Amino acid sequence: MNILPKIKIKKDLKAEANMFQKFLHHPYYLQNRNFIFQAFPELEIQLKKSKNEKGVLEKFIANFHKTNKDAIDQIIKKSNAIINKKGGRALVALSNLMDYKWSRSIIYKAIPTILPFSPFGNNIFYFSILGQIKGKNKKDALFIAIHEISHFIFYDILKEIEQEIKKSAPDDLKNYLKETLTAALLNRKPLSDILNLHNYKGNPEIRDLQIKKSNGAIVSFTEFIDEYYQIIKVKNKKTFKVFLQEILNVLLPISKEFSKKRAIWNRYGNQLYKKPSALNLYQKPIPNKKG
């Protein structure tokens, strides 16, 4: 029996402040500091004037929530409504795409945040409401929930595989693979219809990744992953776990190439598009001899 998890939205300003502080100093996601200050240049000024970073963050977040209370309350109300209406169907569709069954009752805690991105961990995810507040981004809570829950499932299945092969995939490869896989899955029916997605391109860091196949053809990394999924999971009717094992067999020998790409992204982030030489290097196809 597949027990569907529940998604519960709850504001937590203290946890949100902790997450701000974490990503201002994150040793891996280096560009997130820049993303925060691009979204809130006034926060950077305030932090430079004070030695009490946590205090400044807590006050800034509390004031922002207070100033935008009506908009935030409305977003949370709409988020609860769409999760209640379509959350069950979306979870079933994701479960089928990834051949995953929840063995026990799980509650995923969804914390609204004004961070310009949506981090996750330990059955908790933060869904960014900043775009909705500013009227620039219409990604709703259900979309973000399914996006992040796909990551939880990915890591759960990957852990099984790593234990079986007695080898861990490098972090850079894992991060690119999880985001690219999520983009490929969310574009598949019926999930794409439930989420009202059309040609979802995924997070910014994966959009310019390309693979040069053994036959010389150059495709996006998302297309590459989707092709493997179509052949192994759909056409050959293998399980998602088998698909993931196969794609890891292909990608592990070239994992260092993904680390090179990550180094470029960590240095430039979204500013990459203002650096033609770095962008060309990032877009240079990763050679692959296995597929």
C-alpha atoms as a PDB file:
ATOM      1  CA  MET A   1       0.000   0.000   0.000  1.00  0.00           C
ATOM      2  CA  ASN A   2       1.326   3.418  -0.970  1.00  0.00           C
ATOM      3  CA  ILE A   3       0.747   5.819   1.890  1.00  0.00           C
ATOM      4  CA  LEU A   4       0.689   9.349   0.496  1.00  0.00           C
ATOM      5  CA  PRO A   5       2.538  11.949   2.552  1.00  0.00           C
ATOM      6  CA  LYS A   6       0.956  15.178   3.703  1.00  0.00           C
ATOM      7  CA  ILE A   7       2.226  18.674   2.968  1.00  0.00           C
ATOM      8  CA  LYS A   8       1.711  21.163   5.778  1.00  0.00           C
ATOM      9  CA  ILE A   9       2.425  24.872   5.388  1.00  0.00           C
ATOM     10  CA  LYS A  10       3.627  26.705   8.466  1.00  0.00           C
ATOM     11  CA  LYS A  11       5.366  30.036   8.898  1.00  0.00           C
ATOM     12  CA  ASP A  12       8.542  29.911  10.972  1.00  0.00           C
ATOM     13  CA  LEU A  13      10.418  33.220  11.013  1.00  0.00           C
ATOM     14  CA  LYS A  14      13.175  31.916  13.271  1.00  0.00           C
ATOM     15  CA  ALA A  15      13.894  28.975  10.977  1.00  0.00           C
ATOM     16  CA  GLU A  16      13.764  31.356   8.020  1.00  0.00           C
ATOM     17  CA  ALA A  17      16.355  33.632   9.619  1.00  0.00           C
ATOM     18  CA  ASN A  18      18.586  30.622  10.289  1.00  0.00           C
ATOM     19  CA  MET A  19      18.284  29.640   6.631  1.00  0.00           C
ATOM     20  CA  PHE A  20      19.243  33.148   5.517  1.00  0.00           C
ATOM     21  CA  GLN A  21      22.329  32.993   7.709  1.00  0.00           C
ATOM     22  CA  LYS A  22      23.210  29.511   6.481  1.00  0.00           C
ATOM     23  CA  PHE A  23      23.182  30.515   2.827  1.00  0.00           C
ATOM     24  CA  LEU A  24      25.072  33.743   3.407  1.00  0.00           C
ATOM     25  CA  HIS A  25      27.991  31.505   4.383  1.00  0.00           C
ATOM     26  CA  HIS A  26      27.288  28.201   2.642  1.00  0.00           C
ATOM     27  CA  PRO A  27      30.547  26.481   1.637  1.00  0.00           C
ATOM     28  CA  TYR A  28      29.003  24.782  -1.420  1.00  0.00           C
ATOM     29  CA  TYR A  29      26.213  27.002  -2.742  1.00  0.00           C
ATOM     30  CA  LEU A  30      28.457  30.030  -3.014  1.00  0.00           C
ATOM     31  CA  GLN A  31      26.233  31.989  -5.389  1.00  0.00           C
ATOM     32  CA  ASN A  32      23.279  32.024  -3.007  1.00  0.00           C
ATOM     33  CA  ARG A  33      24.875  34.853  -1.024  1.00  0.00           C
ATOM     34  CA  ASN A  34      24.862  36.942  -4.181  1.00  0.00           C
ATOM     35  CA  PHE A  35      21.262  35.945  -4.943  1.00  0.00           C
ATOM     36  CA  ILE A  36      20.186  37.167  -1.481  1.00  0.00           C
ATOM     37  CA  PHE A  37      21.917  40.525  -1.825  1.00  0.00           C
ATOM     38  CA  GLN A  38      20.657  40.972  -5.400  1.00  0.00           C
ATOM     39  CA  ALA A  39      17.126  40.535  -4.048  1.00  0.00           C
ATOM     40  CA  PHE A  40      17.733  42.668  -0.948  1.00  0.00           C
ATOM     41  CA  PRO A  41      20.529  45.233  -1.497  1.00  0.00           C
ATOM     42  CA  GLU A  42      19.334  47.110   1.588  1.00  0.00           C
ATOM     43  CA  LEU A  43      20.024  44.014   3.708  1.00  0.00           C
ATOM     44  CA  GLU A  44      23.646  43.959   2.586  1.00  0.00           C
ATOM     45  CA  ILE A  45      24.001  47.590   3.686  1.00  0.00           C
ATOM     46  CA  GLN A  46      22.443  46.856   7.077  1.00  0.00           C
ATOM     47  CA  LEU A  47      24.713  43.863   7.658  1.00  0.00           C
ATOM     48  CA  LYS A  48      27.831  45.866   6.845  1.00  0.00           C
ATOM     49  CA  LYS A  49      26.890  48.365   9.559  1.00  0.00           C
ATOM     50  CA  SER A  50      26.373  45.762  12.297  1.00  0.00           C
ATOM     51  CA  LYS A  51      28.296  42.978  13.990  1.00  0.00           C
ATOM     52  CA  ASN A  52      25.073  41.267  15.075  1.00  0.00           C
ATOM     53  CA  GLU A  53      24.301  39.409  11.855  1.00  0.00           C
ATOM     54  CA  LYS A  54      21.606  37.159  13.278  1.00  0.00           C
ATOM     55  CA  GLY A  55      19.849  40.060  14.986  1.00  0.00           C
ATOM     56  CA  VAL A  56      19.815  42.086  11.768  1.00  0.00           C
ATOM     57  CA  LEU A  57      18.440  39.123   9.814  1.00  0.00           C
ATOM     58  CA  GLU A  58      15.681  38.388  12.307  1.00  0.00           C
ATOM     59  CA  LYS A  59      14.590  42.031  12.411  1.00  0.00           C
ATOM     60  CA  PHE A  60      14.752  42.425   8.626  1.00  0.00           C
ATOM     61  CA  ILE A  61      12.675  39.291   7.987  1.00  0.00           C
ATOM     62  CA  ALA A  62      10.116  40.172  10.680  1.00  0.00           C
ATOM     63  CA  ASN A  63       9.712  43.693   9.258  1.00  0.00           C
ATOM     64  CA  PHE A  64       9.351  42.382   5.702  1.00  0.00           C
ATOM     65  CA  HIS A  65       6.673  39.922   6.779  1.00  0.00           C
ATOM     66  CA  LYS A  66       4.875  42.668   8.724  1.00  0.00           C
ATOM     67  CA  THR A  67       4.980  45.130   5.816  1.00  0.00           C
ATOM     68  CA  ASN A  68       3.745  42.515   3.353  1.00  0.00           C
ATOM     69  CA  LYS A  69       1.402  40.683   5.740  1.00  0.00           C
ATOM     70  CA  ASP A  70      -1.721  40.892   3.569  1.00  0.00           C
ATOM     71  CA  ALA A  71       0.080  39.653   0.449  1.00  0.00           C
ATOM     72  CA  ILE A  72       1.809  36.844   2.351  1.00  0.00           C
ATOM     73  CA  ASP A  73      -1.411  35.729   4.041  1.00  0.00           C
ATOM     74  CA  GLN A  74      -3.121  35.630   0.655  1.00  0.00           C
ATOM     75  CA  ILE A  75      -0.267  33.602  -0.887  1.00  0.00           C
ATOM     76  CA  ILE A  76      -0.398  31.081   1.973  1.00  0.00           C
ATOM     77  CA  LYS A  77      -4.181  30.827   1.652  1.00  0.00           C
ATOM     78  CA  LYS A  78      -3.899  30.134  -2.092  1.00  0.00           C
ATOM     79  CA  SER A  79      -1.024  27.706  -1.468  1.00  0.00           C
ATOM     80  CA  ASN A  80      -3.087  25.667   0.983  1.00  0.00           C
ATOM     81  CA  ALA A  81      -5.981  25.640  -1.454  1.00  0.00           C
ATOM     82  CA  ILE A  82      -3.963  24.326  -4.410  1.00  0.00           C
ATOM     83  CA  ILE A  83      -2.202  21.707  -2.285  1.00  0.00           C
ATOM     84  CA  ASN A  84      -5.547  20.507  -0.908  1.00  0.00           C
ATOM     85  CA  LYS A  85      -7.040  20.426  -4.395  1.00  0.00           C
ATOM     86  CA  LYS A  86      -4.252  18.880  -6.460  1.00  0.00           C
ATOM     87  CA  GLY A  87      -1.557  17.706  -4.018  1.00  0.00           C
ATOM     88  CA  GLY A  88      -2.754  14.096  -3.847  1.00  0.00           C
ATOM     89  CA  ARG A  89      -2.874  13.690  -7.631  1.00  0.00           C
ATOM     90  CA  ALA A  90       0.536  15.299  -8.035  1.00  0.00           C
ATOM     91  CA  LEU A  91       2.104  13.006  -5.444  1.00  0.00           C
ATOM     92  CA  VAL A  92       0.595   9.922  -7.089  1.00  0.00           C
ATOM     93  CA  ALA A  93       1.940  11.044 -10.476  1.00  0.00           C
ATOM     94  CA  LEU A  94       5.413  11.672  -9.036  1.00  0.00           C
ATOM     95  CA  SER A  95       5.315   8.331  -7.230  1.00  0.00           C
ATOM     96  CA  ASN A  96       4.526   6.552 -10.500  1.00  0.00           C
ATOM     97  CA  LEU A  97       7.246   8.370 -12.434  1.00  0.00           C
ATOM     98  CA  MET A  98       9.858   7.418  -9.832  1.00  0.00           C
ATOM     99  CA  ASP A  99       8.446   4.004  -8.809  1.00  0.00           C
ATOM    100  CA  TYR A 100       8.454   5.142  -5.217  1.00  0.00           C
ATOM    101  CA  LYS A 101       6.214   4.144  -2.350  1.00  0.00           C
ATOM    102  CA  TRP A 102       6.152   5.734   1.060  1.00  0.00           C
ATOM    103  CA  SER A 103       6.291   2.965   3.655  1.00  0.00           C
ATOM    104  CA  ARG A 104       5.066   5.142   6.509  1.00  0.00           C
ATOM    105  CA  SER A 105       3.092   8.310   7.087  1.00  0.00           C
ATOM    106  CA  ILE A 106       5.233  11.379   6.440  1.00  0.00           C
ATOM    107  CA  ILE A 107       4.472  15.059   6.851  1.00  0.00           C
ATOM    108  CA  TYR A 108       6.524  17.373   4.673  1.00  0.00           C
ATOM    109  CA  LYS A 109       6.777  20.729   6.392  1.00  0.00           C
ATOM    110  CA  ALA A 110       6.586  23.627   3.930  1.00  0.00           C
ATOM    111  CA  ILE A 111       7.910  26.931   5.255  1.00  0.00           C
ATOM    112  CA  PRO A 112       7.190  30.072   3.212  1.00  0.00           C
ATOM    113  CA  THR A 113      10.316  32.184   2.807  1.00  0.00           C
ATOM    114  CA  ILE A 114      11.375  35.441   1.210  1.00  0.00           C
ATOM    115  CA  LEU A 115      14.636  33.843   0.143  1.00  0.00           C
ATOM    116  CA  PRO A 116      14.998  34.106  -3.654  1.00  0.00           C
ATOM    117  CA  PHE A 117      15.368  30.306  -3.860  1.00  0.00           C
ATOM    118  CA  SER A 118      13.781  27.272  -2.215  1.00  0.00           C
ATOM    119  CA  PRO A 119      16.143  25.126  -0.093  1.00  0.00           C
ATOM    120  CA  PHE A 120      15.251  21.772   1.432  1.00  0.00           C
ATOM    121  CA  GLY A 121      16.380  19.111   3.893  1.00  0.00           C
ATOM    122  CA  ASN A 122      15.107  16.431   6.304  1.00  0.00           C
ATOM    123  CA  ASN A 123      11.496  16.399   5.061  1.00  0.00           C
ATOM    124  CA  ILE A 124      11.369  20.195   5.319  1.00  0.00           C
ATOM    125  CA  PHE A 125      11.405  22.551   2.376  1.00  0.00           C
ATOM    126  CA  TYR A 126      11.230  26.304   2.149  1.00  0.00           C
ATOM    127  CA  PHE A 127       9.130  27.632  -0.694  1.00  0.00           C
ATOM    128  CA  SER A 128      10.069  31.060  -1.945  1.00  0.00           C
ATOM    129  CA  ILE A 129       7.160  33.503  -2.046  1.00  0.00           C
ATOM    130  CA  LEU A 130       9.309  36.480  -3.020  1.00  0.00           C
ATOM    131  CA  GLY A 131       8.456  36.261  -6.714  1.00  0.00           C
ATOM    132  CA  GLN A 132       4.733  36.151  -5.957  1.00  0.00           C
ATOM    133  CA  ILE A 133       4.985  39.126  -3.604  1.00  0.00           C
ATOM    134  CA  LYS A 134       6.750  41.133  -6.303  1.00  0.00           C
ATOM    135  CA  GLY A 135       4.431  39.846  -9.024  1.00  0.00           C
ATOM    136  CA  LYS A 136       7.347  38.470 -11.050  1.00  0.00           C
ATOM    137  CA  ASN A 137       7.202  34.729 -10.472  1.00  0.00           C
ATOM    138  CA  LYS A 138       4.066  32.621 -10.477  1.00  0.00           C
ATOM    139  CA  LYS A 139       5.592  29.365  -9.196  1.00  0.00           C
ATOM    140  CA  ASP A 140       3.125  28.151  -6.611  1.00  0.00           C
ATOM    141  CA  ALA A 141       3.582  26.069  -3.487  1.00  0.00           C
ATOM    142  CA  LEU A 142       2.507  22.815  -5.129  1.00  0.00           C
ATOM    143  CA  PHE A 143       5.059  23.158  -7.914  1.00  0.00           C
ATOM    144  CA  ILE A 144       7.824  23.847  -5.392  1.00  0.00           C
ATOM    145  CA  ALA A 145       6.614  21.020  -3.135  1.00  0.00           C
ATOM    146  CA  ILE A 146       6.726  18.431  -5.931  1.00  0.00           C
ATOM    147  CA  HIS A 147      10.079  19.791  -7.113  1.00  0.00           C
ATOM    148  CA  GLU A 148      11.604  19.422  -3.645  1.00  0.00           C
ATOM    149  CA  ILE A 149       9.914  16.093  -2.822  1.00  0.00           C
ATOM    150  CA  SER A 150      11.401  14.675  -6.030  1.00  0.00           C
ATOM    151  CA  HIS A 151      14.786  15.524  -4.516  1.00  0.00           C
ATOM    152  CA  PHE A 152      13.923  13.665  -1.292  1.00  0.00           C
ATOM    153  CA  ILE A 153      12.992  10.598  -3.338  1.00  0.00           C
ATOM    154  CA  PHE A 154      16.080  10.910  -5.542  1.00  0.00           C
ATOM    155  CA  TYR A 155      18.404  10.911  -2.546  1.00  0.00           C
ATOM    156  CA  ASP A 156      16.541   8.023  -0.918  1.00  0.00           C
ATOM    157  CA  ILE A 157      16.931   5.806  -4.007  1.00  0.00           C
ATOM    158  CA  LEU A 158      20.477   7.019  -4.671  1.00  0.00           C
ATOM    159  CA  LYS A 159      21.476   6.051  -1.125  1.00  0.00           C
ATOM    160  CA  GLU A 160      20.340   2.471  -1.799  1.00  0.00           C
ATOM    161  CA  ILE A 161      22.360   2.334  -5.009  1.00  0.00           C
ATOM    162  CA  GLU A 162      25.484   3.784  -3.395  1.00  0.00           C
ATOM    163  CA  GLN A 163      25.274   1.208  -0.613  1.00  0.00           C
ATOM    164  CA  GLU A 164      24.958  -1.589  -3.177  1.00  0.00           C
ATOM    165  CA  ILE A 165      27.868  -0.453  -5.361  1.00  0.00           C
ATOM    166  CA  LYS A 166      29.887   0.660  -2.307  1.00  0.00           C
ATOM    167  CA  LYS A 167      30.675   3.947  -3.966  1.00  0.00           C
ATOM    168  CA  SER A 168      29.366   7.491  -3.530  1.00  0.00           C
ATOM    169  CA  ALA A 169      28.684   9.786  -6.442  1.00  0.00           C
ATOM    170  CA  PRO A 170      30.553  13.118  -6.214  1.00  0.00           C
ATOM    171  CA  ASP A 171      28.494  16.032  -4.890  1.00  0.00           C
ATOM    172  CA  ASP A 172      28.763  18.086  -8.078  1.00  0.00           C
ATOM    173  CA  LEU A 173      27.417  15.259 -10.206  1.00  0.00           C
ATOM    174  CA  LYS A 174      24.637  14.532  -7.706  1.00  0.00           C
ATOM    175  CA  ASN A 175      23.510  18.143  -7.618  1.00  0.00           C
ATOM    176  CA  TYR A 176      23.424  18.549 -11.379  1.00  0.00           C
ATOM    177  CA  LEU A 177      21.716  15.187 -11.795  1.00  0.00           C
ATOM    178  CA  LYS A 178      18.996  15.820  -9.202  1.00  0.00           C
ATOM    179  CA  GLU A 179      18.062  19.184 -10.717  1.00  0.00           C
ATOM    180  CA  THR A 180      18.164  17.914 -14.288  1.00  0.00           C
ATOM    181  CA  LEU A 181      16.182  14.804 -13.442  1.00  0.00           C
ATOM    182  CA  THR A 182      13.539  16.900 -11.710  1.00  0.00           C
ATOM    183  CA  ALA A 183      13.199  19.105 -14.792  1.00  0.00           C
ATOM    184  CA  ALA A 184      12.776  16.033 -16.987  1.00  0.00           C
ATOM    185  CA  LEU A 185      10.197  14.449 -14.672  1.00  0.00           C
ATOM    186  CA  LEU A 186       8.117  17.579 -14.161  1.00  0.00           C
ATOM    187  CA  ASN A 187       7.754  17.903 -17.928  1.00  0.00           C
ATOM    188  CA  ARG A 188       6.216  14.433 -18.191  1.00  0.00           C
ATOM    189  CA  LYS A 189       2.496  13.805 -18.275  1.00  0.00           C
ATOM    190  CA  PRO A 190       0.327  13.587 -16.297  1.00  0.00           C
ATOM    191  CA  LEU A 191       2.443  15.524 -13.788  1.00  0.00           C
ATOM    192  CA  SER A 192       3.054  18.427 -16.156  1.00  0.00           C
ATOM    193  CA  ASP A 193      -0.689  18.773 -16.718  1.00  0.00           C
ATOM    194  CA  ILE A 194      -1.444  18.699 -12.993  1.00  0.00           C
ATOM    195  CA  LEU A 195       1.184  21.387 -12.341  1.00  0.00           C
ATOM    196  CA  ASN A 196       0.255  23.310 -15.500  1.00  0.00           C
ATOM    197  CA  LEU A 197       3.848  23.238 -16.716  1.00  0.00           C
ATOM    198  CA  HIS A 198       4.935  23.740 -20.301  1.00  0.00           C
ATOM    199  CA  ASN A 199       8.570  23.189 -21.296  1.00  0.00           C
ATOM    200  CA  TYR A 200       9.945  23.702 -17.798  1.00  0.00           C
ATOM    201  CA  LYS A 201      13.681  24.338 -18.154  1.00  0.00           C
ATOM    202  CA  GLY A 202      14.695  23.733 -14.536  1.00  0.00           C
ATOM    203  CA  ASN A 203      17.003  25.723 -12.302  1.00  0.00           C
ATOM    204  CA  PRO A 204      19.322  28.268 -13.960  1.00  0.00           C
ATOM    205  CA  GLU A 205      22.508  26.256 -13.458  1.00  0.00           C
ATOM    206  CA  ILE A 206      21.334  23.351 -15.646  1.00  0.00           C
ATOM    207  CA  ARG A 207      19.941  25.319 -18.590  1.00  0.00           C
ATOM    208  CA  ASP A 208      23.252  25.698 -20.429  1.00  0.00           C
ATOM    209  CA  LEU A 209      24.699  22.255 -19.715  1.00  0.00           C
ATOM    210  CA  GLN A 210      25.228  20.213 -22.865  1.00  0.00           C
ATOM    211  CA  ILE A 211      26.348  16.663 -23.619  1.00  0.00           C
ATOM    212  CA  LYS A 212      28.147  15.425 -26.724  1.00  0.00           C
ATOM    213  CA  LYS A 213      26.865  11.918 -27.354  1.00  0.00           C
ATOM    214  CA  SER A 214      28.983   9.069 -28.696  1.00  0.00           C
ATOM    215  CA  ASN A 215      27.468   9.600 -32.161  1.00  0.00           C
ATOM    216  CA  GLY A 216      28.589  13.239 -32.145  1.00  0.00           C
ATOM    217  CA  ALA A 217      25.139  14.724 -31.526  1.00  0.00           C
ATOM    218  CA  ILE A 218      24.989  17.605 -29.039  1.00  0.00           C
ATOM    219  CA  VAL A 219      21.970  17.800 -26.744  1.00  0.00           C
ATOM    220  CA  SER A 220      21.096  19.574 -23.534  1.00  0.00           C
ATOM    221  CA  PHE A 221      21.773  17.635 -20.350  1.00  0.00           C
ATOM    222  CA  THR A 222      18.022  17.599 -19.668  1.00  0.00           C
ATOM    223  CA  GLU A 223      17.329  16.079 -23.091  1.00  0.00           C
ATOM    224  CA  PHE A 224      20.083  13.535 -22.483  1.00  0.00           C
ATOM    225  CA  ILE A 225      18.567  12.427 -19.160  1.00  0.00           C
ATOM    226  CA  ASP A 226      15.062  12.390 -20.614  1.00  0.00           C
ATOM    227  CA  GLU A 227      16.171  10.202 -23.532  1.00  0.00           C
ATOM    228  CA  TYR A 228      17.640   7.635 -21.126  1.00  0.00           C
ATOM    229  CA  TYR A 229      14.455   7.734 -19.036  1.00  0.00           C
ATOM    230  CA  GLN A 230      12.333   7.177 -22.142  1.00  0.00           C
ATOM    231  CA  ILE A 231      14.394   4.205 -23.280  1.00  0.00           C
ATOM    232  CA  ILE A 232      15.018   2.473 -19.958  1.00  0.00           C
ATOM    233  CA  LYS A 233      11.940   3.331 -17.891  1.00  0.00           C
ATOM    234  CA  VAL A 234       9.249   3.770 -20.537  1.00  0.00           C
ATOM    235  CA  LYS A 235      10.263   1.660 -23.555  1.00  0.00           C
ATOM    236  CA  ASN A 236      12.089  -1.163 -21.749  1.00  0.00           C
ATOM    237  CA  LYS A 237       9.754  -0.978 -18.706  1.00  0.00           C
ATOM    238  CA  LYS A 238      12.558  -1.088 -16.167  1.00  0.00           C
ATOM    239  CA  THR A 239      12.230   0.447 -12.720  1.00  0.00           C
ATOM    240  CA  PHE A 240      13.308   3.966 -11.902  1.00  0.00           C
ATOM    241  CA  LYS A 241      16.066   2.526  -9.732  1.00  0.00           C
ATOM    242  CA  VAL A 242      17.448   0.577 -12.717  1.00  0.00           C
ATOM    243  CA  PHE A 243      17.280   3.744 -14.812  1.00  0.00           C
ATOM    244  CA  LEU A 244      19.192   5.666 -12.144  1.00  0.00           C
ATOM    245  CA  GLN A 245      21.807   2.900 -11.910  1.00  0.00           C
ATOM    246  CA  GLU A 246      22.268   2.976 -15.687  1.00  0.00           C
ATOM    247  CA  ILE A 247      22.593   6.736 -15.884  1.00  0.00           C
ATOM    248  CA  LEU A 248      25.132   6.689 -13.053  1.00  0.00           C
ATOM    249  CA  ASN A 249      27.168   4.089 -14.959  1.00  0.00           C
ATOM    250  CA  VAL A 250      27.296   6.569 -17.824  1.00  0.00           C
ATOM    251  CA  LEU A 251      27.999   9.701 -15.791  1.00  0.00           C
ATOM    252  CA  LEU A 252      30.387   8.542 -13.063  1.00  0.00           C
ATOM    253  CA  PRO A 253      33.371   8.177 -15.458  1.00  0.00           C
ATOM    254  CA  ILE A 254      32.914  11.809 -16.541  1.00  0.00           C
ATOM    255  CA  SER A 255      32.005  13.227 -13.120  1.00  0.00           C
ATOM    256  CA  LYS A 256      35.067  15.505 -13.081  1.00  0.00           C
ATOM    257  CA  GLU A 257      33.589  17.394 -16.029  1.00  0.00           C
ATOM    258  CA  PHE A 258      30.610  18.333 -13.886  1.00  0.00           C
ATOM    259  CA  SER A 259      32.940  19.598 -11.168  1.00  0.00           C
ATOM    260  CA  LYS A 260      34.580  21.869 -13.742  1.00  0.00           C
ATOM    261  CA  LYS A 261      31.171  23.252 -14.662  1.00  0.00           C
ATOM    262  CA  ARG A 262      30.311  23.752 -11.007  1.00  0.00           C
ATOM    263  CA  ALA A 263      33.483  25.743 -10.430  1.00  0.00           C
ATOM    264  CA  ILE A 264      32.454  28.115 -13.212  1.00  0.00           C
ATOM    265  CA  TRP A 265      28.913  28.447 -11.859  1.00  0.00           C
ATOM    266  CA  ASN A 266      30.162  29.059  -8.315  1.00  0.00           C
ATOM    267  CA  ARG A 267      32.358  31.856  -9.605  1.00  0.00           C
ATOM    268  CA  TYR A 268      29.868  33.635 -11.843  1.00  0.00           C
ATOM    269  CA  GLY A 269      26.327  32.428 -11.149  1.00  0.00           C
ATOM    270  CA  ASN A 270      23.752  34.454 -13.056  1.00  0.00           C
ATOM    271  CA  GLN A 271      26.492  36.919 -13.991  1.00  0.00           C
ATOM    272  CA  LEU A 272      27.727  34.215 -16.345  1.00  0.00           C
ATOM    273  CA  TYR A 273      25.619  35.729 -19.111  1.00  0.00           C
ATOM    274  CA  LYS A 274      27.654  38.933 -18.903  1.00  0.00           C
ATOM    275  CA  LYS A 275      30.911  36.978 -19.351  1.00  0.00           C
ATOM    276  CA  PRO A 276      30.931  35.570 -22.922  1.00  0.00           C
ATOM    277  CA  SER A 277      34.178  33.619 -22.582  1.00  0.00           C
ATOM    278  CA  ALA A 278      33.057  31.968 -19.313  1.00  0.00           C
ATOM    279  CA  LEU A 279      29.605  31.280 -20.760  1.00  0.00           C
ATOM    280  CA  ASN A 280      31.145  29.613 -23.808  1.00  0.00           C
ATOM    281  CA  LEU A 281      33.230  27.446 -21.510  1.00  0.00           C
ATOM    282  CA  TYR A 282      30.151  26.539 -19.449  1.00  0.00           C
ATOM    283  CA  GLN A 283      28.182  25.708 -22.587  1.00  0.00           C
ATOM    284  CA  LYS A 284      30.974  23.593 -24.067  1.00  0.00           C
ATOM    285  CA  PRO A 285      29.518  20.095 -24.406  1.00  0.00           C
ATOM    286  CA  ILE A 286      30.703  17.418 -22.002  1.00  0.00           C
ATOM    287  CA  PRO A 287      32.008  14.505 -24.075  1.00  0.00           C
ATOM    288  CA  ASN A 288      30.384  11.177 -23.368  1.00  0.00           C
ATOM    289  CA  LYS A 289      31.537   7.918 -24.973  1.00  0.00           C
ATOM    290  CA  LYS A 290      28.891   5.614 -23.506  1.00  0.00           C
ATOM    291  CA  GLY A 291      25.715   7.006 -24.982  1.00  0.00           C
END
